[in-house]
């Protein structure tokens, strides 16, 4: 029985993953919020200290990536599903392999790991919105 359930969910994932990625592509904002070049340079400098740990087909990660695109942020995306080094870094730094996770490094080098898509989106909007 366990193998039937496991096979069912694998097939479901195989079917839904391309649909989710296509929907992300179609619904992601093409134009980000507008900033002056000076403001965008400041934002780009601030986002150099951020990294998003994610899975490509995770619906919560898609939600965060769409918000990043809407805000026009250049945040490094780290795929923990296909890159063992990023997965290990997330496990070692954040303490668990749960995505999405935003790694925030402040000016003093202190690293904060923020989980939960709604918390990440709220923080990004507060900082850059």
Protein backbone atom coordinates (compact mmCIF):
# COMPACT_ATOMS: atom_id res chain seq x y z
CA UNK A 1 0.00 0.00 0.00
CA UNK A 2 2.84 2.35 0.84
CA UNK A 3 4.37 1.95 -2.62
CA UNK A 4 1.04 2.78 -4.27
CA UNK A 5 0.72 6.00 -2.28
CA UNK A 6 4.33 6.94 -2.96
CA UNK A 7 3.89 6.28 -6.70
CA UNK A 8 0.68 8.32 -6.77
CA UNK A 9 2.38 11.37 -5.26
CA UNK A 10 5.40 11.05 -7.55
CA UNK A 11 3.11 10.99 -10.58
CA UNK A 12 1.16 13.94 -9.22
CA UNK A 13 4.39 15.89 -8.77
CA UNK A 14 5.52 15.01 -12.32
CA UNK A 15 2.21 16.32 -13.69
CA UNK A 16 1.91 19.44 -11.52
CA UNK A 17 5.50 20.71 -11.60
CA UNK A 18 5.48 21.90 -15.24
CA UNK A 19 2.04 23.46 -14.73
CA UNK A 20 3.21 25.37 -11.65
CA UNK A 21 6.36 26.60 -13.39
CA UNK A 22 4.37 27.69 -16.45
CA UNK A 23 1.89 29.56 -14.26
CA UNK A 24 4.79 31.28 -12.49
CA UNK A 25 6.24 32.33 -15.84
CA UNK A 26 2.89 33.68 -17.03
CA UNK A 27 1.93 35.51 -13.84
CA UNK A 28 5.28 36.94 -12.68
CA UNK A 29 5.25 40.73 -13.12
CA UNK A 30 7.24 41.75 -16.18
CA UNK A 31 7.80 45.29 -14.92
CA UNK A 32 9.10 45.92 -11.40
CA UNK A 33 8.36 49.00 -9.35
CA UNK A 34 10.22 51.97 -10.75
CA UNK A 35 13.13 53.58 -8.96
CA UNK A 36 15.67 56.15 -10.00
CA UNK A 37 19.07 54.72 -10.96
CA UNK A 38 20.53 56.03 -7.69
CA UNK A 39 17.78 54.38 -5.64
CA UNK A 40 18.15 51.11 -7.57
CA UNK A 41 21.90 51.16 -6.93
CA UNK A 42 21.25 51.50 -3.18
CA UNK A 43 18.73 48.63 -3.31
CA UNK A 44 21.16 46.47 -5.30
CA UNK A 45 23.87 47.08 -2.71
CA UNK A 46 21.48 46.09 0.09
CA UNK A 47 20.35 42.92 -1.71
CA UNK A 48 23.96 41.76 -2.17
CA UNK A 49 23.73 40.53 1.43
CA UNK A 50 20.60 38.42 0.81
CA UNK A 51 20.17 34.88 -0.51
CA UNK A 52 16.96 32.91 -1.02
CA UNK A 53 17.19 29.17 -0.43
CA UNK A 54 14.40 27.49 -2.39
CA UNK A 55 13.07 24.59 -4.46
CA UNK A 56 12.11 25.39 -8.04
CA UNK A 57 8.57 23.94 -7.88
CA UNK A 58 7.69 24.80 -4.28
CA UNK A 59 4.50 26.93 -4.33
CA UNK A 60 5.67 29.03 -1.37
CA UNK A 61 9.02 29.65 -3.07
CA UNK A 62 7.20 30.67 -6.25
CA UNK A 63 5.21 33.17 -4.18
CA UNK A 64 8.42 34.70 -2.79
CA UNK A 65 10.15 34.77 -6.19
CA UNK A 66 7.17 36.59 -7.71
CA UNK A 67 7.37 39.22 -4.96
CA UNK A 68 11.11 39.59 -5.53
CA UNK A 69 10.39 40.21 -9.22
CA UNK A 70 7.61 42.71 -8.40
CA UNK A 71 9.96 44.65 -6.13
CA UNK A 72 12.79 44.55 -8.69
CA UNK A 73 15.29 42.97 -6.32
CA UNK A 74 18.51 41.22 -7.33
CA UNK A 75 18.60 38.49 -4.70
CA UNK A 76 20.76 35.41 -5.20
CA UNK A 77 18.61 32.30 -5.61
CA UNK A 78 20.08 29.09 -4.19
CA UNK A 79 18.43 25.82 -5.20
CA UNK A 80 18.69 23.43 -2.27
CA UNK A 81 16.91 20.64 -4.10
CA UNK A 82 19.57 20.16 -6.78
CA UNK A 83 22.68 21.61 -5.13
CA UNK A 84 23.97 19.61 -2.14
CA UNK A 85 26.31 22.43 -1.08
CA UNK A 86 23.40 24.87 -0.72
CA UNK A 87 21.33 22.22 1.07
CA UNK A 88 24.17 21.61 3.53
CA UNK A 89 24.66 25.36 4.07
CA UNK A 90 20.95 25.76 4.84
CA UNK A 91 21.05 22.83 7.27
CA UNK A 92 24.19 24.11 9.00
CA UNK A 93 23.17 27.77 9.16
CA UNK A 94 19.42 27.70 9.57
CA UNK A 95 19.21 24.42 11.44
CA UNK A 96 16.64 22.82 9.14
CA UNK A 97 16.10 22.18 5.44
CA UNK A 98 12.84 24.05 5.02
CA UNK A 99 12.19 26.37 2.10
CA UNK A 100 11.76 29.16 1.35
CA UNK A 101 14.43 30.58 3.61
CA UNK A 102 15.96 34.03 3.29
CA UNK A 103 19.52 34.40 4.53
CA UNK A 104 20.08 37.96 5.72
CA UNK A 105 23.62 39.15 6.48
CA UNK A 106 23.82 42.51 8.23
CA UNK A 107 26.66 45.04 8.05
CA UNK A 108 28.44 43.44 11.03
CA UNK A 109 28.37 40.00 9.37
CA UNK A 110 25.61 38.65 11.62
CA UNK A 111 23.50 36.10 9.70
CA UNK A 112 19.76 35.70 10.24
CA UNK A 113 17.73 32.90 8.69
CA UNK A 114 14.11 33.81 7.94
CA UNK A 115 11.64 31.05 7.17
CA UNK A 116 7.96 31.28 6.13
CA UNK A 117 7.02 32.89 2.84
CA UNK A 118 4.65 35.44 4.38
CA UNK A 119 7.33 36.61 6.82
CA UNK A 120 9.87 36.90 4.01
CA UNK A 121 7.45 38.87 1.82
CA UNK A 122 6.51 41.20 4.69
CA UNK A 123 10.20 41.82 5.48
CA UNK A 124 11.06 42.49 1.82
CA UNK A 125 8.15 44.94 1.50
CA UNK A 126 9.19 46.72 4.70
CA UNK A 127 12.81 47.03 3.52
CA UNK A 128 12.33 47.69 -0.20
CA UNK A 129 8.63 48.33 -0.86
